[in-house]
Amino acid sequence: MSNYTYTRKDAIDDKCRDCNYDEYSAGTFKEQTAACVCANCPLHDFRPMPRQCRVGGLPDPNAIAAIRAKLERIDREQSRR
C-alpha cells in the first residue's frame, strides 16, 4: 500500500500537462505552461512555471514574456532546418 497522497498541485500539473505540454516542442513542461495564453482557463493563475517567472509568489509578466520569446525563437530556428 502506498503512502503517496495525490495533491491539488499534482492535479493542476496533470491537467496542464495534458492540455499544454508538447514533448516535441521547445522548452520544458514548466516553460511551456508559463507561456500558456489560455487566460480563460480557471487554472491559469495556478499553472506551474519556473521559479524565475514568479515574484513574491505572483506571476511576473516580464519573465513570462521572456520565456514566450525564447520558445518562439527556438521554434523558428528549428523550423528553418
N, C-alpha and C. Protein backbone atom coordinates (compact mmCIF):
# COMPACT_ATOMS: atom_id res chain seq x y z
N MET A 1 0.84 -1.17 0.00
CA MET A 1 0.00 0.00 0.00
C MET A 1 0.89 1.25 0.00
N SER A 2 0.58 2.19 -0.81
CA SER A 2 1.39 3.40 -0.96
C SER A 2 0.97 4.48 0.03
N ASN A 3 1.95 5.25 0.48
CA ASN A 3 1.66 6.38 1.37
C ASN A 3 1.52 7.68 0.59
N TYR A 4 1.57 7.60 -0.74
CA TYR A 4 1.51 8.80 -1.57
C TYR A 4 0.10 9.40 -1.55
N THR A 5 0.04 10.71 -1.36
CA THR A 5 -1.22 11.44 -1.40
C THR A 5 -1.23 12.31 -2.63
N TYR A 6 -2.24 12.16 -3.46
CA TYR A 6 -2.40 12.96 -4.66
C TYR A 6 -2.90 14.34 -4.24
N THR A 7 -2.13 15.37 -4.54
CA THR A 7 -2.43 16.71 -4.04
C THR A 7 -3.10 17.57 -5.11
N ARG A 8 -3.58 18.73 -4.69
CA ARG A 8 -4.16 19.69 -5.62
C ARG A 8 -3.11 20.12 -6.64
N LYS A 9 -1.86 20.34 -6.21
CA LYS A 9 -0.78 20.70 -7.12
C LYS A 9 -0.58 19.61 -8.17
N ASP A 10 -0.62 18.35 -7.75
CA ASP A 10 -0.48 17.23 -8.69
C ASP A 10 -1.59 17.28 -9.74
N ALA A 11 -2.81 17.55 -9.30
CA ALA A 11 -3.95 17.60 -10.21
C ALA A 11 -3.80 18.75 -11.21
N ILE A 12 -3.35 19.90 -10.75
CA ILE A 12 -3.15 21.05 -11.64
C ILE A 12 -2.03 20.74 -12.63
N ASP A 13 -0.93 20.19 -12.14
CA ASP A 13 0.18 19.82 -13.03
C ASP A 13 -0.29 18.84 -14.11
N ASP A 14 -1.05 17.83 -13.70
CA ASP A 14 -1.53 16.83 -14.66
C ASP A 14 -2.45 17.44 -15.71
N LYS A 15 -3.34 18.32 -15.29
CA LYS A 15 -4.26 18.96 -16.23
C LYS A 15 -3.48 19.84 -17.22
N CYS A 16 -2.53 20.63 -16.70
CA CYS A 16 -1.73 21.50 -17.58
C CYS A 16 -0.87 20.67 -18.52
N ARG A 17 -0.32 19.57 -18.04
CA ARG A 17 0.50 18.70 -18.88
C ARG A 17 -0.36 18.12 -20.01
N ASP A 18 -1.55 17.69 -19.67
CA ASP A 18 -2.46 17.10 -20.66
C ASP A 18 -2.89 18.14 -21.69
N CYS A 19 -3.15 19.34 -21.25
CA CYS A 19 -3.68 20.39 -22.13
C CYS A 19 -2.59 21.07 -22.95
N ASN A 20 -1.42 21.26 -22.38
CA ASN A 20 -0.47 22.22 -22.93
C ASN A 20 0.87 21.64 -23.37
N TYR A 21 1.37 20.65 -22.69
CA TYR A 21 2.75 20.20 -22.92
C TYR A 21 2.89 19.39 -24.20
N ASP A 22 3.93 19.74 -24.97
CA ASP A 22 4.29 19.01 -26.18
C ASP A 22 5.77 18.65 -26.08
N GLU A 23 6.06 17.38 -25.87
CA GLU A 23 7.44 16.97 -25.68
C GLU A 23 8.32 17.22 -26.90
N TYR A 24 7.72 17.45 -28.06
CA TYR A 24 8.49 17.69 -29.28
C TYR A 24 8.70 19.17 -29.56
N SER A 25 8.11 20.03 -28.76
CA SER A 25 8.29 21.47 -28.91
C SER A 25 9.39 21.96 -27.98
N ALA A 26 9.84 23.17 -28.22
CA ALA A 26 10.90 23.76 -27.41
C ALA A 26 10.44 23.98 -25.98
N GLY A 27 11.37 23.88 -25.04
CA GLY A 27 11.10 24.22 -23.66
C GLY A 27 10.68 23.06 -22.80
N THR A 28 10.82 23.28 -21.51
CA THR A 28 10.40 22.29 -20.53
C THR A 28 8.89 22.39 -20.32
N PHE A 29 8.36 21.44 -19.56
CA PHE A 29 6.94 21.48 -19.22
C PHE A 29 6.57 22.80 -18.56
N LYS A 30 7.36 23.23 -17.57
CA LYS A 30 7.04 24.46 -16.85
C LYS A 30 7.20 25.69 -17.74
N GLU A 31 8.18 25.69 -18.64
CA GLU A 31 8.33 26.82 -19.56
C GLU A 31 7.14 26.91 -20.51
N GLN A 32 6.75 25.77 -21.07
CA GLN A 32 5.60 25.77 -21.98
C GLN A 32 4.33 26.18 -21.25
N THR A 33 4.17 25.73 -20.03
CA THR A 33 2.97 26.07 -19.26
C THR A 33 2.98 27.54 -18.85
N ALA A 34 4.14 28.09 -18.52
CA ALA A 34 4.24 29.52 -18.21
C ALA A 34 3.84 30.35 -19.42
N ALA A 35 4.17 29.87 -20.61
CA ALA A 35 3.87 30.59 -21.85
C ALA A 35 2.41 30.43 -22.30
N CYS A 36 1.64 29.63 -21.60
CA CYS A 36 0.24 29.39 -21.97
C CYS A 36 -0.53 30.71 -22.04
N VAL A 37 -1.28 30.88 -23.10
CA VAL A 37 -2.05 32.12 -23.30
C VAL A 37 -3.54 31.92 -23.09
N CYS A 38 -3.93 30.77 -22.57
CA CYS A 38 -5.35 30.48 -22.36
C CYS A 38 -5.82 31.10 -21.04
N ALA A 39 -5.98 32.41 -21.05
CA ALA A 39 -6.31 33.15 -19.83
C ALA A 39 -7.72 32.84 -19.31
N ASN A 40 -8.59 32.27 -20.14
CA ASN A 40 -9.93 31.94 -19.65
C ASN A 40 -9.97 30.59 -18.92
N CYS A 41 -8.84 29.91 -18.83
CA CYS A 41 -8.76 28.65 -18.09
C CYS A 41 -8.84 28.95 -16.60
N PRO A 42 -9.66 28.24 -15.84
CA PRO A 42 -9.76 28.51 -14.41
C PRO A 42 -8.47 28.20 -13.65
N LEU A 43 -7.56 27.44 -14.25
CA LEU A 43 -6.30 27.11 -13.59
C LEU A 43 -5.16 28.04 -14.02
N HIS A 44 -5.43 28.99 -14.89
CA HIS A 44 -4.36 29.82 -15.46
C HIS A 44 -3.52 30.51 -14.40
N ASP A 45 -4.12 31.03 -13.37
CA ASP A 45 -3.37 31.72 -12.32
C ASP A 45 -2.58 30.76 -11.43
N PHE A 46 -2.88 29.48 -11.51
CA PHE A 46 -2.24 28.49 -10.66
C PHE A 46 -1.31 27.56 -11.43
N ARG A 47 -1.13 27.83 -12.72
CA ARG A 47 -0.35 26.94 -13.57
C ARG A 47 1.11 26.87 -13.11
N PRO A 48 1.72 25.71 -13.30
CA PRO A 48 3.12 25.56 -12.92
C PRO A 48 4.01 26.35 -13.87
N MET A 49 5.07 26.94 -13.30
CA MET A 49 6.02 27.69 -14.11
C MET A 49 7.35 27.74 -13.39
N PRO A 50 8.42 28.04 -14.12
CA PRO A 50 9.73 28.13 -13.46
C PRO A 50 9.73 29.21 -12.38
N ARG A 51 10.59 29.03 -11.39
CA ARG A 51 10.66 29.98 -10.27
C ARG A 51 10.93 31.40 -10.73
N GLN A 52 11.75 31.56 -11.77
CA GLN A 52 12.10 32.91 -12.22
C GLN A 52 10.89 33.64 -12.82
N CYS A 53 9.79 32.95 -13.01
CA CYS A 53 8.58 33.57 -13.56
C CYS A 53 7.63 34.06 -12.47
N ARG A 54 8.04 33.95 -11.23
CA ARG A 54 7.22 34.43 -10.11
C ARG A 54 8.03 35.40 -9.25
N VAL A 55 7.37 36.45 -8.83
CA VAL A 55 7.97 37.41 -7.90
C VAL A 55 7.00 37.56 -6.74
N GLY A 56 7.46 37.25 -5.56
CA GLY A 56 6.59 37.31 -4.39
C GLY A 56 5.41 36.35 -4.49
N GLY A 57 5.60 35.24 -5.19
CA GLY A 57 4.55 34.25 -5.35
C GLY A 57 3.57 34.53 -6.47
N LEU A 58 3.70 35.70 -7.11
CA LEU A 58 2.79 36.07 -8.20
C LEU A 58 3.49 35.99 -9.54
N PRO A 59 2.75 35.66 -10.61
CA PRO A 59 3.36 35.61 -11.93
C PRO A 59 3.98 36.96 -12.32
N ASP A 60 5.18 36.90 -12.89
CA ASP A 60 5.88 38.10 -13.37
C ASP A 60 5.69 38.19 -14.88
N PRO A 61 4.86 39.13 -15.35
CA PRO A 61 4.57 39.24 -16.79
C PRO A 61 5.83 39.40 -17.65
N ASN A 62 6.84 40.12 -17.15
CA ASN A 62 8.06 40.31 -17.94
C ASN A 62 8.83 39.00 -18.09
N ALA A 63 8.93 38.23 -17.03
CA ALA A 63 9.63 36.95 -17.11
C ALA A 63 8.87 35.97 -17.99
N ILE A 64 7.55 36.00 -17.91
CA ILE A 64 6.74 35.11 -18.76
C ILE A 64 6.88 35.51 -20.22
N ALA A 65 6.90 36.81 -20.51
CA ALA A 65 7.10 37.28 -21.88
C ALA A 65 8.47 36.85 -22.40
N ALA A 66 9.49 36.87 -21.53
CA ALA A 66 10.82 36.44 -21.94
C ALA A 66 10.83 34.95 -22.28
N ILE A 67 10.14 34.14 -21.50
CA ILE A 67 10.03 32.70 -21.78
C ILE A 67 9.32 32.49 -23.12
N ARG A 68 8.21 33.20 -23.33
CA ARG A 68 7.47 33.09 -24.60
C ARG A 68 8.37 33.42 -25.78
N ALA A 69 9.11 34.52 -25.67
CA ALA A 69 10.01 34.94 -26.75
C ALA A 69 11.09 33.88 -27.00
N LYS A 70 11.63 33.33 -25.93
CA LYS A 70 12.65 32.28 -26.05
C LYS A 70 12.10 31.07 -26.80
N LEU A 71 10.92 30.60 -26.41
CA LEU A 71 10.32 29.43 -27.05
C LEU A 71 9.99 29.70 -28.51
N GLU A 72 9.47 30.89 -28.80
CA GLU A 72 9.15 31.25 -30.19
C GLU A 72 10.42 31.30 -31.04
N ARG A 73 11.51 31.85 -30.49
CA ARG A 73 12.78 31.93 -31.22
C ARG A 73 13.30 30.53 -31.52
N ILE A 74 13.28 29.64 -30.52
CA ILE A 74 13.74 28.27 -30.73
C ILE A 74 12.89 27.57 -31.78
N ASP A 75 11.58 27.72 -31.71
CA ASP A 75 10.69 27.09 -32.70
C ASP A 75 10.98 27.62 -34.11
N ARG A 76 11.21 28.92 -34.23
CA ARG A 76 11.55 29.48 -35.56
C ARG A 76 12.85 28.90 -36.08
N GLU A 77 13.85 28.82 -35.23
CA GLU A 77 15.15 28.27 -35.63
C GLU A 77 15.03 26.81 -36.05
N GLN A 78 14.23 26.05 -35.32
CA GLN A 78 14.06 24.63 -35.64
C GLN A 78 13.28 24.44 -36.94
N SER A 79 12.34 25.33 -37.22
CA SER A 79 11.54 25.18 -38.44
C SER A 79 12.35 25.53 -39.69
N ARG A 80 13.43 26.26 -39.54
CA ARG A 80 14.29 26.60 -40.67
C ARG A 80 15.17 25.43 -41.10
N ARG A 81 15.33 24.47 -40.23
CA ARG A 81 16.22 23.33 -40.52
C ARG A 81 15.57 22.31 -41.39
